Amino acid sequence: MEKYNFGEDASYLLSHNKLGIQTLEQLEVAEAYAFMIRALEIENGLYQIPAFTKEGFIDLHRYLFQDIYHFAGEFRKVQLSKGTTRFCQFQYIDRMADEIFGALHTEGSWQDIAMAAKRLAYFKTEMNMLHPFREGNGRAIRIFIHAYARTKGYEWDYTNLVKEEYIKAMIESVVDTTALEAIFLKTLYK
């Protein structure tokens, strides 16, 4: 479980988990297990993202992490950064989310796979920089983007991502989405 660069991250997660877990190691295992079950339910059609809106994204996060965190589906009220990446200031999350999800809603058709890769890299980067939740942002964004790509006629096979390459591309995407676009090009199918 990677820590964010702000105050009492470990203490907060430990004091706000529903299972009363007292160590980060145990919490990491429980969180992974709970997430896996919910993600499998999504894959098997037992839950569908209600809409590709801010509310739909909040609902997805709540669904994925409802078994582990009291704050599932709630926007954070603290500043977050990871390494040298500083995420959206918490006081602007709601307004920026409206812009991002508004753009998703008005997004037109994609002419080809190159355009799909470019647009998915853009939206994934914007959602990642928003980073609206205390924990679970990357996983919720990945599932959301996967489902969104399907609505546009594309399948994103994120199961074969090379972790180090993907993380590097996500970090670089703050200033240049080229590497992330290349990953989407390799993992998108019509």
Protein backbone atom coordinates (compact mmCIF):
# COMPACT_ATOMS: atom_id res chain seq x y z
CA MET A 1 0.00 0.00 0.00
CA GLU A 2 1.78 3.13 -1.20
CA LYS A 3 1.54 6.06 1.12
CA TYR A 4 0.66 9.58 0.13
CA ASN A 5 2.79 12.50 1.25
CA PHE A 6 0.54 14.01 3.83
CA GLY A 7 0.26 13.84 7.59
CA GLU A 8 -1.31 10.83 9.19
CA ASP A 9 -2.16 8.61 6.20
CA ALA A 10 -1.54 5.31 7.99
CA SER A 11 -3.39 6.41 11.11
CA TYR A 12 -6.34 7.65 9.06
CA LEU A 13 -6.69 4.44 7.06
CA LEU A 14 -6.37 2.29 10.16
CA SER A 15 -8.89 4.34 12.13
CA HIS A 16 -11.40 4.48 9.26
CA ASN A 17 -11.51 0.85 8.19
CA LYS A 18 -14.69 -1.04 8.95
CA LEU A 19 -12.94 -4.19 10.14
CA GLY A 20 -10.98 -2.70 13.03
CA ILE A 21 -7.68 -3.76 11.46
CA GLN A 22 -4.68 -2.41 13.37
CA THR A 23 -1.73 -2.88 10.98
CA LEU A 24 -1.12 -1.63 7.46
CA GLU A 25 0.01 -5.09 6.37
CA GLN A 26 -3.30 -6.66 7.44
CA LEU A 27 -5.25 -3.76 5.95
CA GLU A 28 -3.48 -4.18 2.61
CA VAL A 29 -4.46 -7.87 2.49
CA ALA A 30 -8.07 -7.19 3.52
CA GLU A 31 -8.40 -4.32 1.06
CA ALA A 32 -7.01 -6.40 -1.81
CA TYR A 33 -9.39 -9.26 -1.00
CA ALA A 34 -12.46 -7.01 -0.65
CA PHE A 35 -11.58 -5.17 -3.87
CA MET A 36 -11.03 -8.42 -5.77
CA ILE A 37 -14.49 -9.70 -4.82
CA ARG A 38 -16.21 -6.46 -5.86
CA ALA A 39 -14.19 -6.22 -9.11
CA LEU A 40 -15.18 -9.81 -9.96
CA GLU A 41 -18.82 -8.92 -9.31
CA ILE A 42 -18.48 -6.08 -11.80
CA GLU A 43 -16.81 -8.35 -14.36
CA ASN A 44 -19.65 -10.86 -13.92
CA GLY A 45 -22.33 -8.19 -14.42
CA LEU A 46 -23.61 -8.10 -10.83
CA TYR A 47 -22.94 -4.37 -10.74
CA GLN A 48 -22.89 -1.87 -13.58
CA ILE A 49 -21.70 1.70 -13.48
CA PRO A 50 -25.00 3.59 -13.42
CA ALA A 51 -23.73 6.46 -15.61
CA PHE A 52 -20.42 7.90 -16.78
CA THR A 53 -20.89 10.94 -14.60
CA LYS A 54 -19.37 12.28 -11.41
CA GLU A 55 -22.15 10.56 -9.46
CA GLY A 56 -21.54 7.31 -11.34
CA PHE A 57 -17.84 7.44 -10.47
CA ILE A 58 -18.61 8.15 -6.81
CA ASP A 59 -21.04 5.21 -6.80
CA LEU A 60 -18.38 2.94 -8.33
CA HIS A 61 -15.84 3.87 -5.65
CA ARG A 62 -18.44 3.30 -2.93
CA TYR A 63 -19.27 -0.09 -4.41
CA LEU A 64 -15.64 -1.18 -4.73
CA PHE A 65 -14.55 -0.15 -1.22
CA GLN A 66 -17.79 -0.34 0.80
CA ASP A 67 -16.63 -3.42 2.69
CA ILE A 68 -13.40 -1.88 3.93
CA TYR A 69 -13.65 1.91 4.37
CA HIS A 70 -16.21 4.20 5.98
CA PHE A 71 -15.19 6.93 3.50
CA ALA A 72 -15.92 4.85 0.37
CA GLY A 73 -17.52 7.11 -2.22
CA GLU A 74 -16.63 10.35 -0.39
CA PHE A 75 -14.34 12.99 -1.86
CA ARG A 76 -11.27 13.68 0.25
CA LYS A 77 -10.87 16.78 2.38
CA VAL A 78 -7.07 16.76 2.53
CA GLN A 79 -4.31 17.63 0.08
CA LEU A 80 -2.61 14.66 -1.60
CA SER A 81 0.68 14.17 -3.37
CA LYS A 82 2.68 11.11 -4.29
CA GLY A 83 6.36 11.53 -4.97
CA THR A 84 6.64 14.79 -6.90
CA THR A 85 3.06 14.63 -8.21
CA ARG A 86 0.66 16.97 -6.48
CA PHE A 87 -3.00 16.09 -7.09
CA CYS A 88 -5.97 18.44 -7.36
CA GLN A 89 -6.41 20.66 -4.31
CA PHE A 90 -9.33 19.25 -2.35
CA GLN A 91 -11.31 22.48 -2.45
CA TYR A 92 -11.44 22.27 -6.28
CA ILE A 93 -12.26 18.56 -6.64
CA ASP A 94 -15.99 19.00 -7.10
CA ARG A 95 -15.67 21.74 -9.71
CA MET A 96 -12.90 19.93 -11.64
CA ALA A 97 -14.88 16.68 -11.50
CA ASP A 98 -17.83 18.49 -13.09
CA GLU A 99 -15.55 19.60 -15.94
CA ILE A 100 -13.96 16.18 -16.50
CA PHE A 101 -17.21 14.22 -16.38
CA GLY A 102 -18.96 16.87 -18.46
CA ALA A 103 -16.30 16.34 -21.15
CA LEU A 104 -16.78 12.56 -20.91
CA HIS A 105 -20.51 13.06 -21.40
CA THR A 106 -20.12 15.20 -24.52
CA GLU A 107 -17.30 13.12 -26.04
CA GLY A 108 -18.07 12.19 -29.62
CA SER A 109 -17.25 9.03 -31.54
CA TRP A 110 -13.67 7.99 -32.11
CA GLN A 111 -12.56 7.63 -35.73
CA ASP A 112 -9.97 4.94 -35.07
CA ILE A 113 -7.92 3.17 -32.42
CA ALA A 114 -5.28 5.94 -32.40
CA MET A 115 -7.91 8.51 -31.51
CA ALA A 116 -9.34 6.13 -28.88
CA ALA A 117 -5.89 5.74 -27.31
CA LYS A 118 -5.33 9.50 -27.29
CA ARG A 119 -8.70 10.30 -25.71
CA LEU A 120 -8.52 7.50 -23.13
CA ALA A 121 -5.01 8.64 -22.14
CA TYR A 122 -6.35 12.17 -21.75
CA PHE A 123 -9.32 11.16 -19.60
CA LYS A 124 -7.29 8.71 -17.52
CA THR A 125 -4.71 11.41 -16.82
CA GLU A 126 -7.33 14.00 -15.90
CA MET A 127 -9.10 11.59 -13.55
CA ASN A 128 -5.79 10.54 -12.01
CA MET A 129 -4.80 14.17 -11.39
CA LEU A 130 -8.20 14.75 -9.81
CA HIS A 131 -7.50 11.85 -7.39
CA PRO A 132 -10.69 12.59 -5.47
CA PHE A 133 -10.60 9.81 -2.86
CA ARG A 134 -8.33 9.07 0.11
CA GLU A 135 -7.58 5.57 -1.23
CA GLY A 136 -8.45 3.42 -4.23
CA ASN A 137 -8.29 6.09 -6.94
CA GLY A 138 -6.19 4.14 -9.45
CA ARG A 139 -8.28 1.00 -9.23
CA ALA A 140 -11.60 2.85 -9.49
CA ILE A 141 -10.31 4.93 -12.43
CA ARG A 142 -9.06 1.81 -14.24
CA ILE A 143 -12.43 0.06 -13.96
CA PHE A 144 -14.30 3.23 -14.94
CA ILE A 145 -12.10 3.86 -18.01
CA HIS A 146 -12.37 0.19 -19.01
CA ALA A 147 -16.18 0.38 -18.93
CA TYR A 148 -16.19 3.76 -20.70
CA ALA A 149 -14.02 2.39 -23.52
CA ARG A 150 -16.59 -0.39 -24.00
CA THR A 151 -19.33 2.20 -24.56
CA LYS A 152 -17.23 3.50 -27.43
CA GLY A 153 -16.77 0.03 -28.94
CA TYR A 154 -13.29 -0.70 -27.57
CA GLU A 155 -12.00 -3.31 -25.18
CA TRP A 156 -9.10 -2.27 -22.96
CA ASP A 157 -7.08 -5.30 -21.87
CA TYR A 158 -5.42 -3.83 -18.79
CA THR A 159 -4.66 -7.30 -17.39
CA ASN A 160 -1.45 -7.46 -19.44
CA LEU A 161 0.01 -4.12 -18.42
CA VAL A 162 3.68 -4.08 -17.47
CA LYS A 163 3.42 -2.49 -14.03
CA GLU A 164 6.67 -0.48 -14.10
CA GLU A 165 6.01 0.79 -17.64
CA TYR A 166 2.43 1.71 -16.74
CA ILE A 167 3.42 3.57 -13.55
CA LYS A 168 6.15 5.47 -15.41
CA ALA A 169 3.65 6.44 -18.14
CA MET A 170 1.14 7.61 -15.53
CA ILE A 171 3.77 9.79 -13.85
CA GLU A 172 4.87 11.23 -17.21
CA SER A 173 1.26 11.83 -18.26
CA VAL A 174 1.13 14.86 -15.99
CA VAL A 175 3.09 16.74 -18.67
CA ASP A 176 3.03 14.39 -21.69
CA THR A 177 0.55 11.58 -22.42
CA THR A 178 2.62 10.05 -25.26
CA ALA A 179 3.79 7.00 -23.28
CA LEU A 180 0.31 6.39 -21.88
CA GLU A 181 -1.19 6.67 -25.38
CA ALA A 182 1.33 4.05 -26.57
CA ILE A 183 0.21 1.72 -23.77
CA PHE A 184 -3.42 2.18 -24.75
CA LEU A 185 -2.51 1.49 -28.40
CA LYS A 186 -0.95 -1.83 -27.36
CA THR A 187 -3.85 -2.85 -25.09
CA LEU A 188 -6.95 -1.60 -26.93
CA TYR A 189 -8.99 -3.78 -29.26
CA LYS A 190 -12.01 -3.04 -31.45
